[in-house]
C-alpha cells in the first residue's frame, strides 16, 4: 500500500506533525483491518476503547461487526456522549456496515443505544444472512480511478436520507450504500476488506477544511 502524502493528511490536535491520528472503535468487530489499512497508508491508527481517547484523535472509524454489541458496549463505557460532543466539534466520523447502523438516527427495531449522529434510516441485515453476502463494483460520486469493489456482509440498507445528506453510491437497483453529511460518512460495505484505500483516503480528507 502506498504511503499517505502530507498534502492529504490531517494535522494532529495540539501537535506540529501532519500525520493524522485516526481512531478505530475497538469494542467489537473488524477494527484490526481498519488499523492495518490506516497504518499502511502512513496514518497513526489508534485502537479506541475509552471516551477520553476521543479527545486525542483527528477522526474516528466505527467498524463492522454486531451493531447491538457495539451499541451496548459504547453505552456501558460512556463513549456515546463524548462521541456526540466531538462530532459536534467537527471531528470526522465514519461508520462501515454495523458502524453505519450505529451512526444512524433511525434504525427500526434496534434494541440498544445508537450514536444518532447522521439523519438517515438504516435497515439492519437487509440483504439477508451471512450466506447471502456478496460483492459488487459500484460507482462512487467524485471518486476517481473507476468503480470501487465493495464487499457486503450481512449488510444494512440506507432507506432514507435527511436534508443535507448526500448520496455517494448506489447499487444497480438504486439501493443507497454510501452517504456523506459534512464530516460524517457511512457505508453499508467493508472497504477495509479490500486493498483499495480510496474510501480511507476520502475519510482522511473530510477534516481538511
N, C-alpha and C. Protein backbone atom coordinates (compact mmCIF):
# COMPACT_ATOMS: atom_id res chain seq x y z
N UNK A 1 0.83 -1.20 0.00
CA UNK A 1 0.00 0.00 0.00
C UNK A 1 0.87 1.25 0.00
N UNK A 2 0.45 2.28 -0.70
CA UNK A 2 1.23 3.50 -0.79
C UNK A 2 1.08 4.33 0.46
N UNK A 3 2.11 5.14 0.73
CA UNK A 3 2.09 6.00 1.89
C UNK A 3 1.24 7.22 1.65
N UNK A 4 0.65 7.75 2.71
CA UNK A 4 -0.21 8.92 2.63
C UNK A 4 0.64 10.17 2.46
N UNK A 5 0.45 10.95 1.38
CA UNK A 5 1.20 12.19 1.23
C UNK A 5 0.76 13.23 2.25
N UNK A 6 1.69 14.08 2.66
CA UNK A 6 1.36 15.10 3.67
C UNK A 6 0.23 16.01 3.20
N UNK A 7 0.12 16.26 1.91
CA UNK A 7 -0.92 17.16 1.41
C UNK A 7 -2.32 16.61 1.61
N UNK A 8 -2.43 15.29 1.88
CA UNK A 8 -3.74 14.68 2.06
C UNK A 8 -4.01 14.31 3.50
N UNK A 9 -3.20 14.83 4.40
CA UNK A 9 -3.32 14.41 5.79
C UNK A 9 -3.97 15.48 6.65
N UNK A 10 -4.41 15.05 7.85
CA UNK A 10 -4.97 15.95 8.83
C UNK A 10 -3.90 16.29 9.85
N UNK A 11 -3.91 17.50 10.37
CA UNK A 11 -2.97 17.87 11.41
C UNK A 11 -3.45 17.33 12.74
N UNK A 12 -2.57 16.67 13.49
CA UNK A 12 -2.96 16.14 14.78
C UNK A 12 -3.18 17.26 15.78
N UNK A 13 -4.18 17.09 16.62
CA UNK A 13 -4.56 18.11 17.60
C UNK A 13 -3.40 18.39 18.55
N UNK A 14 -3.03 19.68 18.64
CA UNK A 14 -2.02 20.08 19.59
C UNK A 14 -0.63 19.62 19.22
N UNK A 15 -0.38 19.26 17.95
CA UNK A 15 0.92 18.74 17.56
C UNK A 15 1.36 19.42 16.29
N UNK A 16 2.68 19.52 16.12
CA UNK A 16 3.22 20.13 14.91
C UNK A 16 3.25 19.15 13.75
N UNK A 17 3.11 17.88 14.02
CA UNK A 17 3.17 16.88 12.97
C UNK A 17 1.93 16.93 12.09
N UNK A 18 2.11 16.53 10.81
CA UNK A 18 0.98 16.49 9.89
C UNK A 18 0.42 15.08 9.77
N UNK A 19 0.98 14.12 10.49
CA UNK A 19 0.48 12.75 10.44
C UNK A 19 -0.81 12.64 11.22
N UNK A 20 -1.92 12.25 10.57
CA UNK A 20 -3.20 12.19 11.28
C UNK A 20 -3.27 11.04 12.26
N UNK A 21 -3.93 11.27 13.38
CA UNK A 21 -4.22 10.22 14.36
C UNK A 21 -5.68 9.84 14.19
N UNK A 22 -5.91 8.67 13.62
CA UNK A 22 -7.27 8.22 13.33
C UNK A 22 -7.61 7.06 14.25
N UNK A 23 -8.66 7.24 15.04
CA UNK A 23 -9.11 6.19 15.94
C UNK A 23 -10.01 5.20 15.23
N UNK A 24 -9.97 3.96 15.68
CA UNK A 24 -10.91 2.93 15.25
C UNK A 24 -11.54 2.36 16.51
N UNK A 25 -12.85 2.41 16.61
CA UNK A 25 -13.53 1.94 17.81
C UNK A 25 -13.30 0.43 17.94
N UNK A 26 -12.59 0.05 19.00
CA UNK A 26 -12.14 -1.34 19.14
C UNK A 26 -12.96 -2.17 20.11
N UNK A 27 -14.24 -1.87 20.24
CA UNK A 27 -15.08 -2.60 21.18
C UNK A 27 -15.45 -3.98 20.66
N UNK A 28 -15.67 -4.09 19.35
CA UNK A 28 -16.08 -5.35 18.74
C UNK A 28 -16.03 -5.19 17.23
N UNK A 29 -15.83 -6.28 16.51
CA UNK A 29 -15.87 -6.21 15.06
C UNK A 29 -14.50 -6.22 14.43
N UNK A 30 -14.45 -5.82 13.14
CA UNK A 30 -13.22 -5.92 12.37
C UNK A 30 -12.38 -4.64 12.44
N UNK A 31 -12.13 -4.18 13.65
CA UNK A 31 -11.35 -2.95 13.83
C UNK A 31 -9.90 -3.12 13.41
N UNK A 32 -9.35 -4.32 13.56
CA UNK A 32 -7.93 -4.53 13.24
C UNK A 32 -7.65 -4.31 11.76
N UNK A 33 -8.61 -4.65 10.89
CA UNK A 33 -8.41 -4.45 9.46
C UNK A 33 -8.33 -2.96 9.11
N UNK A 34 -9.15 -2.15 9.76
CA UNK A 34 -9.05 -0.69 9.54
C UNK A 34 -7.71 -0.17 10.03
N UNK A 35 -7.27 -0.62 11.18
CA UNK A 35 -5.99 -0.17 11.73
C UNK A 35 -4.84 -0.54 10.79
N UNK A 36 -4.89 -1.74 10.24
CA UNK A 36 -3.85 -2.17 9.31
C UNK A 36 -3.83 -1.28 8.07
N UNK A 37 -5.01 -0.97 7.52
CA UNK A 37 -5.09 -0.11 6.34
C UNK A 37 -4.55 1.28 6.65
N UNK A 38 -4.97 1.87 7.75
CA UNK A 38 -4.52 3.21 8.12
C UNK A 38 -3.01 3.26 8.28
N UNK A 39 -2.47 2.30 9.00
CA UNK A 39 -1.03 2.30 9.25
C UNK A 39 -0.25 2.05 7.97
N UNK A 40 -0.80 1.25 7.07
CA UNK A 40 -0.16 1.03 5.79
C UNK A 40 -0.12 2.27 4.92
N UNK A 41 -1.08 3.19 5.16
CA UNK A 41 -1.13 4.45 4.43
C UNK A 41 -0.22 5.51 5.04
N UNK A 42 0.30 5.26 6.22
CA UNK A 42 1.15 6.23 6.89
C UNK A 42 0.44 7.05 7.95
N UNK A 43 -0.84 6.76 8.21
CA UNK A 43 -1.56 7.43 9.29
C UNK A 43 -1.29 6.72 10.61
N UNK A 44 -1.54 7.40 11.72
CA UNK A 44 -1.45 6.78 13.03
C UNK A 44 -2.81 6.17 13.37
N UNK A 45 -2.89 4.85 13.36
CA UNK A 45 -4.12 4.18 13.72
C UNK A 45 -4.17 3.91 15.21
N UNK A 46 -5.24 4.36 15.87
CA UNK A 46 -5.35 4.26 17.32
C UNK A 46 -6.55 3.38 17.68
N UNK A 47 -6.32 2.36 18.47
CA UNK A 47 -7.39 1.48 18.96
C UNK A 47 -8.10 2.21 20.10
N UNK A 48 -9.35 2.63 19.86
CA UNK A 48 -10.10 3.45 20.82
C UNK A 48 -11.09 2.58 21.59
N UNK A 49 -10.97 2.61 22.93
CA UNK A 49 -11.88 1.83 23.78
C UNK A 49 -12.38 2.61 24.98
N UNK A 50 -11.89 3.84 25.15
CA UNK A 50 -12.30 4.67 26.29
C UNK A 50 -12.70 6.06 25.80
N UNK A 51 -13.67 6.70 26.44
CA UNK A 51 -14.13 8.00 25.95
C UNK A 51 -13.06 9.07 25.92
N UNK A 52 -12.14 9.05 26.88
CA UNK A 52 -11.12 10.10 26.93
C UNK A 52 -10.18 10.03 25.72
N UNK A 53 -10.07 8.87 25.09
CA UNK A 53 -9.23 8.76 23.90
C UNK A 53 -9.76 9.59 22.73
N UNK A 54 -11.04 9.89 22.74
CA UNK A 54 -11.63 10.65 21.65
C UNK A 54 -11.12 12.09 21.60
N UNK A 55 -10.55 12.58 22.70
CA UNK A 55 -10.00 13.93 22.72
C UNK A 55 -8.65 14.01 22.04
N UNK A 56 -8.03 12.87 21.75
CA UNK A 56 -6.67 12.86 21.23
C UNK A 56 -6.55 12.29 19.83
N UNK A 57 -7.67 12.29 19.09
CA UNK A 57 -7.65 11.79 17.72
C UNK A 57 -8.24 12.82 16.78
N UNK A 58 -7.97 12.64 15.49
CA UNK A 58 -8.44 13.57 14.47
C UNK A 58 -9.66 13.06 13.73
N UNK A 59 -10.02 11.82 13.94
CA UNK A 59 -11.18 11.23 13.29
C UNK A 59 -11.41 9.85 13.88
N UNK A 60 -12.63 9.32 13.70
CA UNK A 60 -12.96 8.01 14.26
C UNK A 60 -13.69 7.16 13.23
N UNK A 61 -13.24 5.90 13.11
CA UNK A 61 -13.91 4.91 12.28
C UNK A 61 -14.62 3.92 13.21
N UNK A 62 -15.89 3.66 12.91
CA UNK A 62 -16.66 2.66 13.65
C UNK A 62 -16.81 1.46 12.73
N UNK A 63 -16.22 0.33 13.06
CA UNK A 63 -16.12 -0.78 12.11
C UNK A 63 -17.38 -1.63 12.03
N UNK A 64 -17.33 -2.58 11.09
CA UNK A 64 -18.39 -3.57 11.01
C UNK A 64 -18.29 -4.56 12.15
N UNK A 65 -19.36 -5.28 12.38
CA UNK A 65 -19.43 -6.24 13.48
C UNK A 65 -20.88 -6.48 13.84
N UNK A 66 -21.16 -6.51 15.13
CA UNK A 66 -22.53 -6.66 15.63
C UNK A 66 -22.99 -5.33 16.20
N UNK A 67 -23.94 -4.69 15.52
CA UNK A 67 -24.34 -3.34 15.94
C UNK A 67 -24.95 -3.33 17.34
N UNK A 68 -25.65 -4.40 17.72
CA UNK A 68 -26.23 -4.43 19.06
C UNK A 68 -25.13 -4.46 20.12
N UNK A 69 -24.09 -5.24 19.88
CA UNK A 69 -22.98 -5.33 20.82
C UNK A 69 -22.22 -4.01 20.90
N UNK A 70 -21.96 -3.41 19.73
CA UNK A 70 -21.24 -2.14 19.71
C UNK A 70 -22.03 -1.08 20.48
N UNK A 71 -23.33 -1.00 20.25
CA UNK A 71 -24.15 -0.01 20.94
C UNK A 71 -24.19 -0.23 22.44
N UNK A 72 -24.34 -1.48 22.84
CA UNK A 72 -24.41 -1.80 24.27
C UNK A 72 -23.11 -1.46 24.98
N UNK A 73 -21.98 -1.84 24.37
CA UNK A 73 -20.68 -1.57 24.99
C UNK A 73 -20.35 -0.08 24.97
N UNK A 74 -20.69 0.60 23.88
CA UNK A 74 -20.42 2.04 23.80
C UNK A 74 -21.17 2.79 24.89
N UNK A 75 -22.39 2.37 25.19
CA UNK A 75 -23.13 2.99 26.28
C UNK A 75 -22.51 2.65 27.63
N UNK A 76 -22.17 1.39 27.81
CA UNK A 76 -21.61 0.94 29.08
C UNK A 76 -20.31 1.66 29.42
N UNK A 77 -19.48 1.92 28.40
CA UNK A 77 -18.18 2.55 28.62
C UNK A 77 -18.24 4.08 28.57
N UNK A 78 -19.43 4.64 28.36
CA UNK A 78 -19.58 6.10 28.35
C UNK A 78 -19.05 6.77 27.11
N UNK A 79 -18.98 6.05 26.00
CA UNK A 79 -18.39 6.59 24.78
C UNK A 79 -19.37 7.48 24.01
N UNK A 80 -20.66 7.16 24.05
CA UNK A 80 -21.62 7.87 23.20
C UNK A 80 -21.68 9.37 23.48
N UNK A 81 -21.78 9.85 24.72
CA UNK A 81 -21.83 11.31 24.93
C UNK A 81 -20.58 12.02 24.43
N UNK A 82 -19.41 11.44 24.68
CA UNK A 82 -18.17 12.07 24.22
C UNK A 82 -18.08 12.05 22.70
N UNK A 83 -18.53 10.98 22.07
CA UNK A 83 -18.53 10.91 20.61
C UNK A 83 -19.43 11.99 20.02
N UNK A 84 -20.61 12.17 20.60
CA UNK A 84 -21.51 13.22 20.12
C UNK A 84 -20.87 14.61 20.27
N UNK A 85 -20.18 14.81 21.37
CA UNK A 85 -19.51 16.09 21.61
C UNK A 85 -18.43 16.36 20.57
N UNK A 86 -17.60 15.36 20.31
CA UNK A 86 -16.51 15.53 19.36
C UNK A 86 -17.03 15.68 17.93
N UNK A 87 -18.09 14.95 17.60
CA UNK A 87 -18.67 15.09 16.26
C UNK A 87 -19.26 16.49 16.07
N UNK A 88 -19.87 17.03 17.11
CA UNK A 88 -20.42 18.39 17.05
C UNK A 88 -19.32 19.43 16.86
N UNK A 89 -18.12 19.10 17.32
CA UNK A 89 -16.97 19.98 17.14
C UNK A 89 -16.35 19.86 15.76
N UNK A 90 -16.85 18.92 14.96
CA UNK A 90 -16.36 18.77 13.59
C UNK A 90 -15.44 17.61 13.35
N UNK A 91 -15.23 16.75 14.35
CA UNK A 91 -14.38 15.59 14.13
C UNK A 91 -15.03 14.64 13.13
N UNK A 92 -14.33 14.24 12.06
CA UNK A 92 -14.89 13.29 11.11
C UNK A 92 -15.16 11.93 11.75
N UNK A 93 -16.29 11.33 11.39
CA UNK A 93 -16.68 10.01 11.89
C UNK A 93 -17.19 9.20 10.70
N UNK A 94 -16.73 7.96 10.61
CA UNK A 94 -17.11 7.07 9.50
C UNK A 94 -17.58 5.74 10.08
N UNK A 95 -18.76 5.32 9.69
CA UNK A 95 -19.28 4.02 10.09
C UNK A 95 -19.37 3.09 8.90
N UNK A 96 -18.79 1.88 9.03
CA UNK A 96 -18.87 0.88 7.97
C UNK A 96 -19.75 -0.27 8.44
N UNK A 97 -20.74 -0.63 7.64
CA UNK A 97 -21.67 -1.74 7.92
C UNK A 97 -22.34 -1.53 9.29
N UNK A 98 -21.99 -2.31 10.30
CA UNK A 98 -22.58 -2.10 11.62
C UNK A 98 -22.30 -0.70 12.14
N UNK A 99 -21.16 -0.14 11.76
CA UNK A 99 -20.85 1.23 12.15
C UNK A 99 -21.81 2.24 11.55
N UNK A 100 -22.28 1.97 10.33
CA UNK A 100 -23.28 2.84 9.72
C UNK A 100 -24.60 2.78 10.48
N UNK A 101 -24.94 1.60 10.96
CA UNK A 101 -26.13 1.44 11.80
C UNK A 101 -25.99 2.27 13.07
N UNK A 102 -24.82 2.19 13.70
CA UNK A 102 -24.56 2.89 14.95
C UNK A 102 -24.64 4.41 14.76
N UNK A 103 -24.27 4.91 13.58
CA UNK A 103 -24.31 6.35 13.32
C UNK A 103 -25.72 6.87 13.05
N UNK A 104 -26.62 6.01 12.60
CA UNK A 104 -27.93 6.44 12.12
C UNK A 104 -28.84 6.94 13.24
N UNK A 105 -29.68 7.91 12.90
CA UNK A 105 -30.66 8.42 13.85
C UNK A 105 -31.89 7.51 13.95
N UNK A 106 -32.11 6.69 12.93
CA UNK A 106 -33.31 5.85 12.92
C UNK A 106 -32.96 4.45 12.41
N UNK A 107 -33.09 3.46 13.30
CA UNK A 107 -32.88 2.05 12.93
C UNK A 107 -34.04 1.26 13.53
N UNK A 108 -35.08 1.01 12.76
CA UNK A 108 -36.25 0.32 13.30
C UNK A 108 -35.89 -1.01 13.97
N UNK A 109 -36.39 -1.16 15.20
CA UNK A 109 -36.19 -2.41 15.91
C UNK A 109 -34.84 -2.61 16.55
N UNK A 110 -33.98 -1.59 16.53
CA UNK A 110 -32.66 -1.77 17.14
C UNK A 110 -32.78 -1.78 18.66
N UNK A 111 -32.25 -2.81 19.34
CA UNK A 111 -32.50 -2.96 20.77
C UNK A 111 -31.56 -2.20 21.70
N UNK A 112 -30.49 -1.63 21.17
CA UNK A 112 -29.51 -0.97 22.03
C UNK A 112 -29.21 0.45 21.54
N UNK A 113 -28.56 1.27 22.38
CA UNK A 113 -28.34 2.69 22.04
C UNK A 113 -27.52 2.87 20.77
N UNK A 114 -27.77 4.00 20.12
CA UNK A 114 -27.05 4.40 18.93
C UNK A 114 -26.42 5.78 19.16
N UNK A 115 -25.42 6.11 18.37
CA UNK A 115 -24.82 7.44 18.46
C UNK A 115 -25.78 8.50 17.92
N UNK A 116 -26.61 8.12 16.94
CA UNK A 116 -27.63 9.01 16.37
C UNK A 116 -27.02 10.32 15.85
N UNK A 117 -25.98 10.19 15.05
CA UNK A 117 -25.29 11.37 14.52
C UNK A 117 -25.76 11.77 13.13
N UNK A 118 -26.15 10.81 12.31
CA UNK A 118 -26.47 11.09 10.91
C UNK A 118 -27.96 10.90 10.66
N UNK A 119 -28.57 11.85 9.95
CA UNK A 119 -30.01 11.81 9.70
C UNK A 119 -30.33 10.85 8.55
N UNK A 120 -30.23 9.57 8.86
CA UNK A 120 -30.55 8.52 7.90
C UNK A 120 -31.34 7.43 8.63
N UNK A 121 -32.11 6.68 7.86
CA UNK A 121 -32.76 5.47 8.36
C UNK A 121 -32.05 4.28 7.75
N UNK A 122 -31.72 3.31 8.59
CA UNK A 122 -30.98 2.14 8.15
C UNK A 122 -31.75 0.88 8.52
N UNK A 123 -31.85 -0.05 7.59
CA UNK A 123 -32.48 -1.34 7.83
C UNK A 123 -31.40 -2.39 8.04
N UNK A 124 -31.37 -3.00 9.19
CA UNK A 124 -30.34 -3.99 9.52
C UNK A 124 -30.52 -5.28 8.71
N UNK A 125 -29.39 -5.94 8.40
CA UNK A 125 -29.38 -7.25 7.73
C UNK A 125 -30.33 -7.28 6.54
N UNK A 126 -30.39 -6.18 5.82
CA UNK A 126 -31.41 -6.02 4.77
C UNK A 126 -31.17 -6.91 3.56
N UNK A 127 -29.95 -7.37 3.36
CA UNK A 127 -29.65 -8.21 2.21
C UNK A 127 -29.70 -9.70 2.55
N UNK A 128 -30.01 -10.02 3.79
CA UNK A 128 -30.11 -11.43 4.17
C UNK A 128 -29.04 -11.84 5.17
N UNK A 129 -28.88 -13.14 5.31
CA UNK A 129 -27.97 -13.70 6.29
C UNK A 129 -26.53 -13.73 5.76
N UNK A 130 -25.61 -14.25 6.58
CA UNK A 130 -24.20 -14.35 6.19
C UNK A 130 -24.04 -15.05 4.84
N UNK A 131 -24.83 -16.06 4.59
CA UNK A 131 -24.72 -16.82 3.35
C UNK A 131 -25.10 -15.99 2.14
N UNK A 132 -25.82 -14.90 2.37
CA UNK A 132 -26.24 -14.02 1.28
C UNK A 132 -25.27 -12.87 1.02
N UNK A 133 -24.10 -12.93 1.65
CA UNK A 133 -23.09 -11.89 1.43
C UNK A 133 -22.67 -11.88 -0.05
N UNK A 134 -22.26 -10.70 -0.54
CA UNK A 134 -21.92 -10.58 -1.96
C UNK A 134 -20.93 -9.44 -2.16
N UNK A 135 -20.42 -9.34 -3.38
CA UNK A 135 -19.51 -8.27 -3.76
C UNK A 135 -20.04 -7.61 -5.02
N UNK A 136 -19.76 -6.30 -5.16
CA UNK A 136 -20.28 -5.58 -6.31
C UNK A 136 -19.37 -4.39 -6.62
N UNK A 137 -19.16 -4.12 -7.89
CA UNK A 137 -18.43 -2.93 -8.31
C UNK A 137 -19.41 -1.77 -8.39
N UNK A 138 -19.11 -0.70 -7.65
CA UNK A 138 -20.02 0.45 -7.59
C UNK A 138 -19.30 1.72 -7.99
N UNK A 139 -20.05 2.60 -8.63
CA UNK A 139 -19.53 3.93 -8.95
C UNK A 139 -19.75 4.85 -7.76
N UNK A 140 -18.72 5.59 -7.39
CA UNK A 140 -18.77 6.48 -6.23
C UNK A 140 -18.64 7.92 -6.69
N UNK A 141 -19.59 8.75 -6.32
CA UNK A 141 -19.62 10.16 -6.71
C UNK A 141 -18.31 10.85 -6.32
N UNK A 142 -17.65 11.44 -7.32
CA UNK A 142 -16.44 12.21 -7.07
C UNK A 142 -15.19 11.39 -6.85
N UNK A 143 -15.26 10.08 -6.95
CA UNK A 143 -14.10 9.23 -6.69
C UNK A 143 -13.46 8.81 -8.01
N UNK A 144 -12.22 9.22 -8.23
CA UNK A 144 -11.51 8.87 -9.44
C UNK A 144 -10.98 7.44 -9.35
N UNK A 145 -10.62 6.90 -10.51
CA UNK A 145 -9.99 5.58 -10.52
C UNK A 145 -10.91 4.44 -10.88
N UNK A 146 -12.14 4.74 -11.31
CA UNK A 146 -13.05 3.68 -11.71
C UNK A 146 -13.90 3.16 -10.56
N UNK A 147 -14.72 2.15 -10.82
CA UNK A 147 -15.62 1.60 -9.80
C UNK A 147 -14.85 1.08 -8.59
N UNK A 148 -15.53 1.11 -7.44
CA UNK A 148 -14.98 0.57 -6.20
C UNK A 148 -15.56 -0.82 -5.99
N UNK A 149 -14.69 -1.79 -5.70
CA UNK A 149 -15.15 -3.16 -5.46
C UNK A 149 -15.58 -3.28 -4.00
N UNK A 150 -16.89 -3.34 -3.78
CA UNK A 150 -17.46 -3.29 -2.44
C UNK A 150 -17.84 -4.69 -1.95
N UNK A 151 -17.53 -4.97 -0.68
CA UNK A 151 -17.82 -6.25 -0.05
C UNK A 151 -18.96 -6.06 0.94
N UNK A 152 -20.06 -6.77 0.74
CA UNK A 152 -21.25 -6.67 1.58
C UNK A 152 -21.41 -7.96 2.39
N UNK A 153 -21.38 -7.84 3.73
CA UNK A 153 -21.52 -8.99 4.62
C UNK A 153 -22.63 -8.69 5.62
N UNK A 154 -23.75 -9.40 5.52
CA UNK A 154 -24.91 -9.11 6.37
C UNK A 154 -25.16 -7.61 6.42
N UNK A 155 -25.16 -7.02 5.26
CA UNK A 155 -25.10 -5.56 5.15
C UNK A 155 -26.44 -4.89 5.39
N UNK A 156 -26.41 -3.66 5.90
CA UNK A 156 -27.63 -2.86 6.04
C UNK A 156 -27.91 -2.08 4.77
N UNK A 157 -29.15 -1.64 4.62
CA UNK A 157 -29.53 -0.73 3.55
C UNK A 157 -29.84 0.64 4.16
N UNK A 158 -29.45 1.67 3.46
CA UNK A 158 -29.81 3.03 3.83
C UNK A 158 -31.11 3.36 3.10
N UNK A 159 -32.21 3.41 3.82
CA UNK A 159 -33.54 3.50 3.20
C UNK A 159 -34.10 4.91 3.17
N UNK A 160 -33.52 5.83 3.95
CA UNK A 160 -33.98 7.23 3.95
C UNK A 160 -32.80 8.12 4.25
N UNK A 161 -32.72 9.26 3.58
CA UNK A 161 -31.69 10.25 3.88
C UNK A 161 -32.37 11.58 4.19
N UNK A 162 -31.84 12.26 5.20
CA UNK A 162 -32.38 13.54 5.60
C UNK A 162 -31.78 14.69 4.81
N UNK A 163 -32.28 15.91 5.06
CA UNK A 163 -31.74 17.10 4.40
C UNK A 163 -30.25 17.24 4.67
N UNK A 164 -29.49 17.55 3.66
CA UNK A 164 -28.06 17.74 3.82
C UNK A 164 -27.24 16.49 3.64
N UNK A 165 -27.87 15.32 3.62
CA UNK A 165 -27.15 14.07 3.42
C UNK A 165 -27.01 13.82 1.92
N UNK A 166 -25.81 13.55 1.47
CA UNK A 166 -25.51 13.37 0.05
C UNK A 166 -25.26 11.89 -0.24
N UNK A 167 -25.90 11.38 -1.27
CA UNK A 167 -25.67 10.00 -1.70
C UNK A 167 -24.38 9.92 -2.50
N UNK A 168 -23.47 9.04 -2.08
CA UNK A 168 -22.22 8.85 -2.79
C UNK A 168 -22.24 7.64 -3.71
N UNK A 169 -23.02 6.61 -3.35
CA UNK A 169 -23.02 5.39 -4.17
C UNK A 169 -24.32 4.63 -4.00
N UNK A 170 -24.73 3.99 -5.08
CA UNK A 170 -25.90 3.11 -5.10
C UNK A 170 -25.54 1.81 -5.80
N UNK A 171 -26.29 0.76 -5.49
CA UNK A 171 -26.22 -0.46 -6.27
C UNK A 171 -26.99 -0.26 -7.58
N UNK A 172 -26.89 -1.23 -8.47
CA UNK A 172 -27.54 -1.11 -9.77
C UNK A 172 -29.06 -1.01 -9.66
N UNK A 173 -29.64 -1.52 -8.54
CA UNK A 173 -31.09 -1.43 -8.36
C UNK A 173 -31.52 -0.15 -7.67
N UNK A 174 -30.57 0.74 -7.41
CA UNK A 174 -30.88 2.03 -6.79
C UNK A 174 -30.70 2.07 -5.29
N UNK A 175 -30.40 0.94 -4.66
CA UNK A 175 -30.21 0.91 -3.21
C UNK A 175 -29.03 1.77 -2.80
N UNK A 176 -29.27 2.67 -1.84
CA UNK A 176 -28.20 3.56 -1.36
C UNK A 176 -27.26 2.80 -0.43
N UNK A 177 -25.96 2.87 -0.70
CA UNK A 177 -24.99 2.11 0.10
C UNK A 177 -23.84 2.97 0.62
N UNK A 178 -23.81 4.27 0.28
CA UNK A 178 -22.78 5.16 0.82
C UNK A 178 -23.33 6.58 0.83
N UNK A 179 -23.17 7.26 1.96
CA UNK A 179 -23.66 8.63 2.10
C UNK A 179 -22.66 9.46 2.89
N UNK A 180 -22.80 10.77 2.73
CA UNK A 180 -21.96 11.71 3.47
C UNK A 180 -22.82 12.87 3.95
N UNK A 181 -22.54 13.35 5.14
CA UNK A 181 -23.17 14.56 5.67
C UNK A 181 -22.08 15.37 6.35
N UNK A 182 -21.50 16.32 5.62
CA UNK A 182 -20.40 17.10 6.16
C UNK A 182 -19.20 16.22 6.46
N UNK A 183 -18.84 16.14 7.73
CA UNK A 183 -17.70 15.31 8.13
C UNK A 183 -18.12 13.91 8.58
N UNK A 184 -19.36 13.55 8.32
CA UNK A 184 -19.86 12.21 8.65
C UNK A 184 -19.95 11.38 7.38
N UNK A 185 -19.53 10.12 7.46
CA UNK A 185 -19.51 9.22 6.32
C UNK A 185 -20.07 7.88 6.76
N UNK A 186 -20.91 7.27 5.93
CA UNK A 186 -21.46 5.94 6.25
C UNK A 186 -21.46 5.09 4.99
N UNK A 187 -21.00 3.83 5.14
CA UNK A 187 -21.01 2.88 4.04
C UNK A 187 -21.61 1.57 4.52
N UNK A 188 -22.44 0.96 3.67
CA UNK A 188 -23.05 -0.33 4.01
C UNK A 188 -22.05 -1.48 3.88
N UNK A 189 -20.95 -1.24 3.22
CA UNK A 189 -19.99 -2.28 2.89
C UNK A 189 -18.68 -2.12 3.67
N UNK A 190 -17.71 -2.96 3.36
CA UNK A 190 -16.46 -3.07 4.12
C UNK A 190 -15.25 -2.70 3.26
N UNK A 191 -14.91 -1.42 3.11
CA UNK A 191 -13.71 -1.07 2.33
C UNK A 191 -12.42 -1.64 2.92
N UNK A 192 -12.40 -1.88 4.22
CA UNK A 192 -11.18 -2.38 4.88
C UNK A 192 -10.85 -3.82 4.49
N UNK A 193 -11.80 -4.52 3.86
CA UNK A 193 -11.55 -5.90 3.46
C UNK A 193 -11.00 -6.00 2.04
N UNK A 194 -10.70 -4.86 1.43
CA UNK A 194 -10.05 -4.84 0.12
C UNK A 194 -8.70 -4.14 0.27
N UNK A 195 -7.94 -4.12 -0.80
CA UNK A 195 -6.67 -3.39 -0.80
C UNK A 195 -6.82 -2.00 -1.41
N UNK A 196 -8.05 -1.60 -1.65
CA UNK A 196 -8.33 -0.30 -2.23
C UNK A 196 -8.46 0.73 -1.10
N UNK A 197 -7.56 1.70 -1.08
CA UNK A 197 -7.51 2.68 0.01
C UNK A 197 -8.37 3.91 -0.24
N UNK A 198 -9.09 3.96 -1.34
CA UNK A 198 -9.73 5.23 -1.73
C UNK A 198 -10.76 5.73 -0.73
N UNK A 199 -11.54 4.85 -0.12
CA UNK A 199 -12.51 5.33 0.87
C UNK A 199 -11.80 5.82 2.13
N UNK A 200 -10.73 5.16 2.52
CA UNK A 200 -9.97 5.64 3.68
C UNK A 200 -9.35 7.02 3.38
N UNK A 201 -8.89 7.20 2.15
CA UNK A 201 -8.35 8.50 1.77
C UNK A 201 -9.44 9.57 1.73
N UNK A 202 -10.62 9.18 1.26
CA UNK A 202 -11.75 10.11 1.30
C UNK A 202 -12.03 10.53 2.72
N UNK A 203 -12.04 9.57 3.65
CA UNK A 203 -12.30 9.90 5.05
C UNK A 203 -11.25 10.84 5.61
N UNK A 204 -9.98 10.58 5.29
CA UNK A 204 -8.93 11.45 5.79
C UNK A 204 -9.07 12.88 5.26
N UNK A 205 -9.67 13.03 4.10
CA UNK A 205 -9.82 14.37 3.51
C UNK A 205 -10.96 15.17 4.17
N UNK A 206 -11.85 14.53 4.92
CA UNK A 206 -13.04 15.22 5.41
C UNK A 206 -12.71 16.33 6.41
N UNK A 207 -11.63 16.20 7.15
CA UNK A 207 -11.31 17.22 8.14
C UNK A 207 -10.37 18.29 7.64
N UNK A 208 -10.01 18.26 6.38
CA UNK A 208 -9.03 19.21 5.87
C UNK A 208 -9.54 20.64 5.84
N UNK A 209 -10.88 20.75 5.64
CA UNK A 209 -11.43 22.11 5.54
C UNK A 209 -12.02 22.62 6.83
